Amino acid sequence: MGKIIFQVGEQYENEKGVYEILEIKDGNMKIRWNSGETIWTGIELQKHILRRRHWEQTVKTQAKSRTTRKSQRKTSTLSKFEGFKDSDFSRSVAGTRWRSRQQLGGAVSRRFDSGPFDMKSWAISRMARVHWTDTRHQDLAHDQFQAKLYVQMDKKKLYCGFYIERSTQTDDPRDDWDSFIEWLRTPENEEQLKTLVAEEGLILYDMKDIMEDSGAFTGSIEVSDGKWIWKKKNSEEEIPNLADFLDQLDNTVWVDLQISRILDKKTALERKEAIAGDIAALFEKLLPLYEASVSHMSR
């Protein structure tokens, strides 16, 4: 949904039904429903209602599309991935097979409705991590600077979600990062992300802080009561604008931003092969972030 501009004489719709705008004055507008009832209401309130209704309809349409496609797929077309093993939970890849396209990589890709993108999995050398990117966008020489969807393991947990990095060097590519921040600056997009984070139980953090205690910011960013809350070790702080927060991170420190769902080892093991479908469903919901990050390619 683009920028909303209300106009007198035009019709719009909220939960109560279709209404016509009769007058606009000082941040408020007079509206009349088909029933004849007339009230004055705040412009920003009605904009918020329109955005929320648009977002809810988009999510419902996407869910219906996924259900239809998945019902048409036969079990025989799925990968041979049968779930994680206890030994997969490690930062080392020695003796593991889950990262390949014949295992989790392929199982997720087959279940993943990636819209206009040709998303394929890429096992990262010597790391317990797999990235999913569009084949037309993938650049192995500059993989670290590109937005990606990912799955990562350590000894106790599985991490999956959206991953984007920012280098400390000004001459390194920042096209994906800058496009993501630009997208996030639109209030409707920030609200969309905030809703997704809250509903899916996601958190934002710097991967290096989780893995090495050396991230661009410590702790995690979560959503509580419709607000971004930065949860640090001994305190909490509200973040009024997420784009500003991310854009103002120290340029001398590399940023490994992940927007993720984190599962404990026991839960991931119990899901068996169904975990691939869980990950694919999450990726589909995060696809707008990936699309925004690579939007510069079509300009």
C-alpha atoms as a PDB file:
ATOM      1  CA  MET A   1       0.000   0.000   0.000  1.00  0.00           C
ATOM      2  CA  GLY A   2       1.425   3.360  -1.030  1.00  0.00           C
ATOM      3  CA  LYS A   3       0.991   6.746   0.594  1.00  0.00           C
ATOM      4  CA  ILE A   4      -2.602   7.330   1.712  1.00  0.00           C
ATOM      5  CA  ILE A   5      -4.135  10.683   0.762  1.00  0.00           C
ATOM      6  CA  PHE A   6      -7.776  11.131   1.754  1.00  0.00           C
ATOM      7  CA  GLN A   7      -9.946  13.257  -0.527  1.00  0.00           C
ATOM      8  CA  VAL A   8     -13.383  14.799   0.013  1.00  0.00           C
ATOM      9  CA  GLY A   9     -16.046  12.957  -1.948  1.00  0.00           C
ATOM     10  CA  GLU A  10     -14.069   9.708  -2.143  1.00  0.00           C
ATOM     11  CA  GLN A  11     -15.132   6.462  -0.482  1.00  0.00           C
ATOM     12  CA  TYR A  12     -13.056   4.242   1.818  1.00  0.00           C
ATOM     13  CA  GLU A  13     -13.811   1.370   4.169  1.00  0.00           C
ATOM     14  CA  ASN A  14     -13.163   0.490   7.805  1.00  0.00           C
ATOM     15  CA  GLU A  15     -14.552  -2.219  10.073  1.00  0.00           C
ATOM     16  CA  LYS A  16     -17.941  -0.506  10.205  1.00  0.00           C
ATOM     17  CA  GLY A  17     -18.317  -0.397   6.439  1.00  0.00           C
ATOM     18  CA  VAL A  18     -17.917   1.887   3.418  1.00  0.00           C
ATOM     19  CA  TYR A  19     -17.906   5.589   4.191  1.00  0.00           C
ATOM     20  CA  GLU A  20     -17.675   8.848   2.235  1.00  0.00           C
ATOM     21  CA  ILE A  21     -15.510  11.801   3.268  1.00  0.00           C
ATOM     22  CA  LEU A  22     -17.616  14.942   3.597  1.00  0.00           C
ATOM     23  CA  GLU A  23     -15.075  17.401   5.000  1.00  0.00           C
ATOM     24  CA  ILE A  24     -11.406  17.560   6.042  1.00  0.00           C
ATOM     25  CA  LYS A  25     -10.197  20.030   8.664  1.00  0.00           C
ATOM     26  CA  ASP A  26      -7.275  20.341  11.118  1.00  0.00           C
ATOM     27  CA  GLY A  27      -6.172  16.709  11.038  1.00  0.00           C
ATOM     28  CA  ASN A  28      -9.707  15.361  11.258  1.00  0.00           C
ATOM     29  CA  MET A  29     -12.361  14.466   8.731  1.00  0.00           C
ATOM     30  CA  LYS A  30     -16.118  14.202   8.698  1.00  0.00           C
ATOM     31  CA  ILE A  31     -17.309  10.870   7.314  1.00  0.00           C
ATOM     32  CA  ARG A  32     -20.696   9.333   6.543  1.00  0.00           C
ATOM     33  CA  TRP A  33     -21.457   5.618   6.306  1.00  0.00           C
ATOM     34  CA  ASN A  34     -24.070   4.192   3.926  1.00  0.00           C
ATOM     35  CA  SER A  35     -26.418   3.959   6.902  1.00  0.00           C
ATOM     36  CA  GLY A  36     -26.412   7.762   7.119  1.00  0.00           C
ATOM     37  CA  GLU A  37     -24.474   7.913  10.382  1.00  0.00           C
ATOM     38  CA  THR A  38     -21.987  10.798  10.413  1.00  0.00           C
ATOM     39  CA  ILE A  39     -18.997  11.438  12.695  1.00  0.00           C
ATOM     40  CA  TRP A  40     -15.732  13.363  12.901  1.00  0.00           C
ATOM     41  CA  THR A  41     -12.674  11.095  13.141  1.00  0.00           C
ATOM     42  CA  GLY A  42      -8.888  11.470  13.134  1.00  0.00           C
ATOM     43  CA  ILE A  43      -7.131  11.206   9.774  1.00  0.00           C
ATOM     44  CA  GLU A  44      -4.163   9.281  11.200  1.00  0.00           C
ATOM     45  CA  LEU A  45      -6.496   6.827  12.922  1.00  0.00           C
ATOM     46  CA  GLN A  46      -8.274   6.018   9.658  1.00  0.00           C
ATOM     47  CA  LYS A  47      -4.936   5.716   7.829  1.00  0.00           C
ATOM     48  CA  HIS A  48      -3.789   3.219  10.443  1.00  0.00           C
ATOM     49  CA  ILE A  49      -7.009   1.215  10.002  1.00  0.00           C
ATOM     50  CA  LEU A  50      -6.587   1.120   6.208  1.00  0.00           C
ATOM     51  CA  ARG A  51      -2.955  -0.012   6.481  1.00  0.00           C
ATOM     52  CA  ARG A  52      -3.830  -2.735   8.988  1.00  0.00           C
ATOM     53  CA  ARG A  53      -6.711  -4.022   6.868  1.00  0.00           C
ATOM     54  CA  HIS A  54      -4.472  -4.051   3.791  1.00  0.00           C
ATOM     55  CA  TRP A  55      -1.768  -5.978   5.666  1.00  0.00           C
ATOM     56  CA  GLU A  56      -4.249  -8.512   7.064  1.00  0.00           C
ATOM     57  CA  GLN A  57      -5.725  -9.121   3.596  1.00  0.00           C
ATOM     58  CA  THR A  58      -2.245  -9.567   2.116  1.00  0.00           C
ATOM     59  CA  VAL A  59      -1.329 -12.142   4.754  1.00  0.00           C
ATOM     60  CA  LYS A  60      -4.609 -14.043   4.181  1.00  0.00           C
ATOM     61  CA  THR A  61      -4.105 -14.075   0.408  1.00  0.00           C
ATOM     62  CA  GLN A  62      -0.531 -15.332   0.747  1.00  0.00           C
ATOM     63  CA  ALA A  63      -1.587 -18.025   3.211  1.00  0.00           C
ATOM     64  CA  LYS A  64      -4.338 -19.224   0.869  1.00  0.00           C
ATOM     65  CA  SER A  65      -1.874 -19.336  -2.031  1.00  0.00           C
ATOM     66  CA  ARG A  66       0.613 -21.370   0.014  1.00  0.00           C
ATOM     67  CA  THR A  67      -2.076 -23.819   1.127  1.00  0.00           C
ATOM     68  CA  THR A  68      -3.235 -24.366  -2.447  1.00  0.00           C
ATOM     69  CA  ARG A  69       0.281 -24.959  -3.760  1.00  0.00           C
ATOM     70  CA  LYS A  70       1.271 -27.274  -0.940  1.00  0.00           C
ATOM     71  CA  SER A  71      -1.871 -29.389  -1.327  1.00  0.00           C
ATOM     72  CA  GLN A  72      -0.855 -30.034  -4.930  1.00  0.00           C
ATOM     73  CA  ARG A  73       2.604 -31.285  -4.099  1.00  0.00           C
ATOM     74  CA  LYS A  74       3.134 -35.014  -3.707  1.00  0.00           C
ATOM     75  CA  THR A  75       5.259 -36.430  -0.948  1.00  0.00           C
ATOM     76  CA  SER A  76       7.482 -38.116  -3.513  1.00  0.00           C
ATOM     77  CA  THR A  77       8.682 -34.725  -4.798  1.00  0.00           C
ATOM     78  CA  LEU A  78      10.051 -33.662  -1.429  1.00  0.00           C
ATOM     79  CA  SER A  79      13.671 -34.007  -0.415  1.00  0.00           C
ATOM     80  CA  LYS A  80      14.959 -36.907   1.665  1.00  0.00           C
ATOM     81  CA  PHE A  81      15.438 -34.716   4.710  1.00  0.00           C
ATOM     82  CA  GLU A  82      13.958 -36.552   7.702  1.00  0.00           C
ATOM     83  CA  GLY A  83      14.768 -34.081  10.433  1.00  0.00           C
ATOM     84  CA  PHE A  84      17.808 -33.047  12.407  1.00  0.00           C
ATOM     85  CA  LYS A  85      20.039 -35.384  14.360  1.00  0.00           C
ATOM     86  CA  ASP A  86      21.518 -34.683  17.774  1.00  0.00           C
ATOM     87  CA  SER A  87      24.982 -34.466  16.195  1.00  0.00           C
ATOM     88  CA  ASP A  88      23.843 -31.652  13.861  1.00  0.00           C
ATOM     89  CA  PHE A  89      23.781 -29.233  16.764  1.00  0.00           C
ATOM     90  CA  SER A  90      27.303 -27.907  16.574  1.00  0.00           C
ATOM     91  CA  ARG A  91      29.188 -24.935  15.171  1.00  0.00           C
ATOM     92  CA  SER A  92      31.314 -27.447  13.305  1.00  0.00           C
ATOM     93  CA  VAL A  93      30.136 -29.117  10.089  1.00  0.00           C
ATOM     94  CA  ALA A  94      32.253 -32.242  10.548  1.00  0.00           C
ATOM     95  CA  GLY A  95      30.107 -35.343  10.059  1.00  0.00           C
ATOM     96  CA  THR A  96      26.907 -33.431   9.278  1.00  0.00           C
ATOM     97  CA  ARG A  97      24.751 -33.648   6.125  1.00  0.00           C
ATOM     98  CA  TRP A  98      21.831 -31.330   6.878  1.00  0.00           C
ATOM     99  CA  ARG A  99      23.191 -28.333   4.928  1.00  0.00           C
ATOM    100  CA  SER A 100      23.050 -29.888   1.449  1.00  0.00           C
ATOM    101  CA  ARG A 101      20.386 -29.389  -1.218  1.00  0.00           C
ATOM    102  CA  GLN A 102      19.560 -33.083  -0.831  1.00  0.00           C
ATOM    103  CA  GLN A 103      18.774 -32.440   2.842  1.00  0.00           C
ATOM    104  CA  LEU A 104      17.438 -29.299   4.579  1.00  0.00           C
ATOM    105  CA  GLY A 105      18.510 -26.966   1.768  1.00  0.00           C
ATOM    106  CA  GLY A 106      16.375 -28.716  -0.811  1.00  0.00           C
ATOM    107  CA  ALA A 107      13.521 -29.553   1.582  1.00  0.00           C
ATOM    108  CA  VAL A 108      13.026 -25.888   2.451  1.00  0.00           C
ATOM    109  CA  SER A 109      13.430 -24.690  -1.145  1.00  0.00           C
ATOM    110  CA  ARG A 110      10.740 -27.104  -2.381  1.00  0.00           C
ATOM    111  CA  ARG A 111       8.282 -25.922   0.256  1.00  0.00           C
ATOM    112  CA  PHE A 112       9.167 -22.249  -0.114  1.00  0.00           C
ATOM    113  CA  ASP A 113       6.832 -20.159  -2.294  1.00  0.00           C
ATOM    114  CA  SER A 114       9.382 -17.454  -3.215  1.00  0.00           C
ATOM    115  CA  GLY A 115       7.168 -15.476  -5.572  1.00  0.00           C
ATOM    116  CA  PRO A 116       9.226 -13.692  -8.272  1.00  0.00           C
ATOM    117  CA  PHE A 117      12.518 -15.047  -6.956  1.00  0.00           C
ATOM    118  CA  ASP A 118      14.381 -18.241  -7.811  1.00  0.00           C
ATOM    119  CA  MET A 119      15.576 -18.964  -4.275  1.00  0.00           C
ATOM    120  CA  LYS A 120      18.217 -21.668  -3.860  1.00  0.00           C
ATOM    121  CA  SER A 121      20.196 -22.798  -0.840  1.00  0.00           C
ATOM    122  CA  TRP A 122      23.938 -22.285  -0.458  1.00  0.00           C
ATOM    123  CA  ALA A 123      25.865 -24.143   2.251  1.00  0.00           C
ATOM    124  CA  ILE A 124      28.485 -21.813   3.737  1.00  0.00           C
ATOM    125  CA  SER A 125      31.966 -23.304   3.737  1.00  0.00           C
ATOM    126  CA  ARG A 126      33.114 -24.689   7.100  1.00  0.00           C
ATOM    127  CA  MET A 127      30.167 -23.093   8.899  1.00  0.00           C
ATOM    128  CA  ALA A 128      26.980 -24.639  10.310  1.00  0.00           C
ATOM    129  CA  ARG A 129      24.918 -22.262   8.213  1.00  0.00           C
ATOM    130  CA  VAL A 130      22.873 -22.257   5.000  1.00  0.00           C
ATOM    131  CA  HIS A 131      21.829 -19.158   3.048  1.00  0.00           C
ATOM    132  CA  TRP A 132      18.921 -18.826   0.621  1.00  0.00           C
ATOM    133  CA  THR A 133      19.236 -16.167  -2.088  1.00  0.00           C
ATOM    134  CA  ASP A 134      17.901 -15.546  -5.572  1.00  0.00           C
ATOM    135  CA  THR A 135      20.096 -17.237  -8.195  1.00  0.00           C
ATOM    136  CA  ARG A 136      20.172 -14.027 -10.242  1.00  0.00           C
ATOM    137  CA  HIS A 137      21.365 -12.047  -7.245  1.00  0.00           C
ATOM    138  CA  GLN A 138      23.794 -14.489  -5.673  1.00  0.00           C
ATOM    139  CA  ASP A 139      27.388 -13.288  -5.836  1.00  0.00           C
ATOM    140  CA  LEU A 140      29.708 -15.760  -4.129  1.00  0.00           C
ATOM    141  CA  ALA A 141      32.533 -13.221  -4.133  1.00  0.00           C
ATOM    142  CA  HIS A 142      30.465 -10.750  -2.085  1.00  0.00           C
ATOM    143  CA  ASP A 143      28.094 -13.068  -0.245  1.00  0.00           C
ATOM    144  CA  GLN A 144      28.673 -11.326   3.071  1.00  0.00           C
ATOM    145  CA  PHE A 145      27.295  -8.034   1.740  1.00  0.00           C
ATOM    146  CA  GLN A 146      24.061  -9.516   0.394  1.00  0.00           C
ATOM    147  CA  ALA A 147      20.721  -9.933   2.116  1.00  0.00           C
ATOM    148  CA  LYS A 148      19.756 -13.563   2.650  1.00  0.00           C
ATOM    149  CA  LEU A 149      17.413 -15.908   4.429  1.00  0.00           C
ATOM    150  CA  TYR A 150      19.295 -18.361   6.592  1.00  0.00           C
ATOM    151  CA  VAL A 151      19.444 -21.267   9.020  1.00  0.00           C
ATOM    152  CA  GLN A 152      22.262 -21.562  11.527  1.00  0.00           C
ATOM    153  CA  MET A 153      23.112 -24.023  14.297  1.00  0.00           C
ATOM    154  CA  ASP A 154      25.125 -24.086  17.486  1.00  0.00           C
ATOM    155  CA  LYS A 155      25.333 -26.662  20.260  1.00  0.00           C
ATOM    156  CA  LYS A 156      21.990 -25.808  21.827  1.00  0.00           C
ATOM    157  CA  LYS A 157      19.882 -23.845  19.350  1.00  0.00           C
ATOM    158  CA  LEU A 158      18.674 -23.419  15.781  1.00  0.00           C
ATOM    159  CA  TYR A 159      18.414 -19.902  14.325  1.00  0.00           C
ATOM    160  CA  CYS A 160      16.418 -19.075  11.189  1.00  0.00           C
ATOM    161  CA  GLY A 161      15.246 -15.881   9.542  1.00  0.00           C
ATOM    162  CA  PHE A 162      16.495 -12.837   7.647  1.00  0.00           C
ATOM    163  CA  TYR A 163      20.186 -11.866   7.687  1.00  0.00           C
ATOM    164  CA  ILE A 164      21.875  -8.718   6.388  1.00  0.00           C
ATOM    165  CA  GLU A 165      25.348  -7.316   7.010  1.00  0.00           C
ATOM    166  CA  ARG A 166      27.067  -3.919   6.892  1.00  0.00           C
ATOM    167  CA  SER A 167      30.821  -3.647   6.488  1.00  0.00           C
ATOM    168  CA  THR A 168      33.137  -1.257   8.300  1.00  0.00           C
ATOM    169  CA  GLN A 169      34.727  -0.260   4.985  1.00  0.00           C
ATOM    170  CA  THR A 170      33.022   2.555   3.080  1.00  0.00           C
ATOM    171  CA  ASP A 171      34.154   1.164  -0.279  1.00  0.00           C
ATOM    172  CA  ASP A 172      32.548  -2.255   0.366  1.00  0.00           C
ATOM    173  CA  PRO A 173      29.112  -2.819  -1.221  1.00  0.00           C
ATOM    174  CA  ARG A 174      26.223  -1.447   0.843  1.00  0.00           C
ATOM    175  CA  ASP A 175      23.465  -1.542  -1.769  1.00  0.00           C
ATOM    176  CA  ASP A 176      21.393  -4.203   0.009  1.00  0.00           C
ATOM    177  CA  TRP A 177      21.851  -2.615   3.437  1.00  0.00           C
ATOM    178  CA  ASP A 178      20.956   0.875   2.184  1.00  0.00           C
ATOM    179  CA  SER A 179      17.895  -0.425   0.323  1.00  0.00           C
ATOM    180  CA  PHE A 180      16.701  -2.255   3.441  1.00  0.00           C
ATOM    181  CA  ILE A 181      17.102   0.888   5.595  1.00  0.00           C
ATOM    182  CA  GLU A 182      15.319   2.981   2.954  1.00  0.00           C
ATOM    183  CA  TRP A 183      12.404   0.521   2.939  1.00  0.00           C
ATOM    184  CA  LEU A 184      12.286   0.533   6.730  1.00  0.00           C
ATOM    185  CA  ARG A 185      11.987   4.329   6.832  1.00  0.00           C
ATOM    186  CA  THR A 186       8.476   4.157   5.373  1.00  0.00           C
ATOM    187  CA  PRO A 187       6.122   4.067   8.407  1.00  0.00           C
ATOM    188  CA  GLU A 188       3.849   1.458   6.818  1.00  0.00           C
ATOM    189  CA  ASN A 189       6.810  -0.879   6.290  1.00  0.00           C
ATOM    190  CA  GLU A 190       8.112  -0.429   9.819  1.00  0.00           C
ATOM    191  CA  GLU A 191       4.634  -1.246  11.143  1.00  0.00           C
ATOM    192  CA  GLN A 192       4.469  -4.293   8.883  1.00  0.00           C
ATOM    193  CA  LEU A 193       7.784  -5.560  10.267  1.00  0.00           C
ATOM    194  CA  LYS A 194       6.756  -4.764  13.818  1.00  0.00           C
ATOM    195  CA  THR A 195       3.549  -6.771  13.389  1.00  0.00           C
ATOM    196  CA  LEU A 196       5.442  -9.704  11.911  1.00  0.00           C
ATOM    197  CA  VAL A 197       8.038  -9.715  14.707  1.00  0.00           C
ATOM    198  CA  ALA A 198       5.318  -9.644  17.355  1.00  0.00           C
ATOM    199  CA  GLU A 199       3.114 -12.321  15.792  1.00  0.00           C
ATOM    200  CA  GLU A 200       5.930 -14.732  14.926  1.00  0.00           C
ATOM    201  CA  GLY A 201       7.886 -14.291  18.146  1.00  0.00           C
ATOM    202  CA  LEU A 202      10.998 -13.027  16.343  1.00  0.00           C
ATOM    203  CA  ILE A 203      13.878 -11.035  17.772  1.00  0.00           C
ATOM    204  CA  LEU A 204      16.480  -8.727  16.233  1.00  0.00           C
ATOM    205  CA  TYR A 205      20.094  -9.021  17.314  1.00  0.00           C
ATOM    206  CA  ASP A 206      23.670  -8.837  16.107  1.00  0.00           C
ATOM    207  CA  MET A 207      24.895 -12.366  15.400  1.00  0.00           C
ATOM    208  CA  LYS A 208      28.388 -11.582  16.665  1.00  0.00           C
ATOM    209  CA  ASP A 209      26.922 -10.565  20.017  1.00  0.00           C
ATOM    210  CA  ILE A 210      25.201 -13.963  20.261  1.00  0.00           C
ATOM    211  CA  MET A 211      28.201 -15.974  19.064  1.00  0.00           C
ATOM    212  CA  GLU A 212      31.209 -13.915  20.158  1.00  0.00           C
ATOM    213  CA  ASP A 213      30.020 -11.124  22.513  1.00  0.00           C
ATOM    214  CA  SER A 214      31.372  -8.552  20.053  1.00  0.00           C
ATOM    215  CA  GLY A 215      28.393  -7.222  18.104  1.00  0.00           C
ATOM    216  CA  ALA A 216      27.538  -3.730  16.916  1.00  0.00           C
ATOM    217  CA  PHE A 217      24.881  -3.698  19.631  1.00  0.00           C
ATOM    218  CA  THR A 218      24.305  -5.960  22.616  1.00  0.00           C
ATOM    219  CA  GLY A 219      21.176  -7.754  23.712  1.00  0.00           C
ATOM    220  CA  SER A 220      18.102  -8.044  21.521  1.00  0.00           C
ATOM    221  CA  ILE A 221      15.331  -5.903  20.058  1.00  0.00           C
ATOM    222  CA  GLU A 222      11.798  -7.202  20.504  1.00  0.00           C
ATOM    223  CA  VAL A 223       8.251  -5.878  20.195  1.00  0.00           C
ATOM    224  CA  SER A 224       6.153  -5.237  23.277  1.00  0.00           C
ATOM    225  CA  ASP A 225       2.825  -3.378  23.308  1.00  0.00           C
ATOM    226  CA  GLY A 226       3.427  -2.230  19.747  1.00  0.00           C
ATOM    227  CA  LYS A 227       6.843  -0.711  20.517  1.00  0.00           C
ATOM    228  CA  TRP A 228      10.425  -1.647  19.707  1.00  0.00           C
ATOM    229  CA  ILE A 229      12.129  -2.531  22.988  1.00  0.00           C
ATOM    230  CA  TRP A 230      15.916  -2.877  23.204  1.00  0.00           C
ATOM    231  CA  LYS A 231      16.605  -5.458  25.892  1.00  0.00           C
ATOM    232  CA  LYS A 232      20.130  -5.057  27.204  1.00  0.00           C
ATOM    233  CA  LYS A 233      21.838  -6.973  29.992  1.00  0.00           C
ATOM    234  CA  ASN A 234      20.670  -4.799  32.859  1.00  0.00           C
ATOM    235  CA  SER A 235      18.138  -2.441  31.305  1.00  0.00           C
ATOM    236  CA  GLU A 236      15.493  -1.903  28.639  1.00  0.00           C
ATOM    237  CA  GLU A 237      15.078   1.030  26.276  1.00  0.00           C
ATOM    238  CA  GLU A 238      12.386   1.962  23.763  1.00  0.00           C
ATOM    239  CA  ILE A 239      13.540   2.536  20.179  1.00  0.00           C
ATOM    240  CA  PRO A 240      11.279   5.178  18.554  1.00  0.00           C
ATOM    241  CA  ASN A 241      12.535   4.548  15.018  1.00  0.00           C
ATOM    242  CA  LEU A 242      14.245   1.301  14.040  1.00  0.00           C
ATOM    243  CA  ALA A 243      15.768   2.658  10.808  1.00  0.00           C
ATOM    244  CA  ASP A 244      17.475   5.487  12.706  1.00  0.00           C
ATOM    245  CA  PHE A 245      18.767   3.055  15.334  1.00  0.00           C
ATOM    246  CA  LEU A 246      20.314   0.732  12.738  1.00  0.00           C
ATOM    247  CA  ASP A 247      21.626   3.526  10.529  1.00  0.00           C
ATOM    248  CA  GLN A 248      23.400   5.155  13.458  1.00  0.00           C
ATOM    249  CA  LEU A 249      25.295   2.063  14.613  1.00  0.00           C
ATOM    250  CA  ASP A 250      29.048   2.602  14.925  1.00  0.00           C
ATOM    251  CA  ASN A 251      30.583   2.598  11.437  1.00  0.00           C
ATOM    252  CA  THR A 252      33.811   1.140  12.827  1.00  0.00           C
ATOM    253  CA  VAL A 253      32.011  -2.075  13.869  1.00  0.00           C
ATOM    254  CA  TRP A 254      30.710  -4.681  11.416  1.00  0.00           C
ATOM    255  CA  VAL A 255      26.948  -5.261  11.676  1.00  0.00           C
ATOM    256  CA  ASP A 256      25.534  -8.805  11.436  1.00  0.00           C
ATOM    257  CA  LEU A 257      21.822  -8.090  11.767  1.00  0.00           C
ATOM    258  CA  GLN A 258      19.549 -11.099  12.083  1.00  0.00           C
ATOM    259  CA  ILE A 259      15.758 -11.014  12.416  1.00  0.00           C
ATOM    260  CA  SER A 260      15.115 -14.498  13.622  1.00  0.00           C
ATOM    261  CA  ARG A 261      13.179 -17.223  15.282  1.00  0.00           C
ATOM    262  CA  ILE A 262      15.302 -19.171  17.755  1.00  0.00           C
ATOM    263  CA  LEU A 263      14.409 -22.761  18.609  1.00  0.00           C
ATOM    264  CA  ASP A 264      15.947 -24.842  21.355  1.00  0.00           C
ATOM    265  CA  LYS A 265      17.516 -28.145  20.365  1.00  0.00           C
ATOM    266  CA  LYS A 266      14.743 -30.291  21.862  1.00  0.00           C
ATOM    267  CA  THR A 267      11.977 -28.483  19.946  1.00  0.00           C
ATOM    268  CA  ALA A 268      13.855 -28.617  16.645  1.00  0.00           C
ATOM    269  CA  LEU A 269      14.527 -32.332  16.996  1.00  0.00           C
ATOM    270  CA  GLU A 270      10.910 -33.116  17.902  1.00  0.00           C
ATOM    271  CA  ARG A 271       9.619 -31.400  14.737  1.00  0.00           C
ATOM    272  CA  LYS A 272      11.509 -33.963  12.604  1.00  0.00           C
ATOM    273  CA  GLU A 273      10.994 -33.409   8.846  1.00  0.00           C
ATOM    274  CA  ALA A 274       8.202 -30.891   9.541  1.00  0.00           C
ATOM    275  CA  ILE A 275      10.838 -28.367  10.579  1.00  0.00           C
ATOM    276  CA  ALA A 276      11.542 -27.761   6.874  1.00  0.00           C
ATOM    277  CA  GLY A 277       7.942 -26.630   6.379  1.00  0.00           C
ATOM    278  CA  ASP A 278       8.131 -24.428   9.479  1.00  0.00           C
ATOM    279  CA  ILE A 279      11.231 -22.704   8.119  1.00  0.00           C
ATOM    280  CA  ALA A 280       9.745 -22.311   4.631  1.00  0.00           C
ATOM    281  CA  ALA A 281       6.589 -20.703   6.066  1.00  0.00           C
ATOM    282  CA  LEU A 282       8.692 -18.220   8.024  1.00  0.00           C
ATOM    283  CA  PHE A 283      10.786 -17.415   4.944  1.00  0.00           C
ATOM    284  CA  GLU A 284       7.637 -16.608   2.981  1.00  0.00           C
ATOM    285  CA  LYS A 285       6.613 -14.088   5.631  1.00  0.00           C
ATOM    286  CA  LEU A 286      10.092 -12.547   5.619  1.00  0.00           C
ATOM    287  CA  LEU A 287      10.269 -12.345   1.825  1.00  0.00           C
ATOM    288  CA  PRO A 288       9.207  -8.640   1.734  1.00  0.00           C
ATOM    289  CA  LEU A 289      12.426  -7.792   3.630  1.00  0.00           C
ATOM    290  CA  TYR A 290      14.524  -9.658   1.083  1.00  0.00           C
ATOM    291  CA  GLU A 291      12.612  -8.072  -1.793  1.00  0.00           C
ATOM    292  CA  ALA A 292      13.168  -4.599  -0.333  1.00  0.00           C
ATOM    293  CA  SER A 293      16.902  -5.235   0.092  1.00  0.00           C
ATOM    294  CA  VAL A 294      17.452  -6.270  -3.526  1.00  0.00           C
ATOM    295  CA  SER A 295      15.050  -3.683  -4.984  1.00  0.00           C
ATOM    296  CA  HIS A 296      18.005  -1.562  -6.137  1.00  0.00           C
ATOM    297  CA  MET A 297      18.695  -4.183  -8.814  1.00  0.00           C
ATOM    298  CA  SER A 298      15.564  -3.183 -10.719  1.00  0.00           C
ATOM    299  CA  ARG A 299      16.098   0.564 -10.568  1.00  0.00           C
END
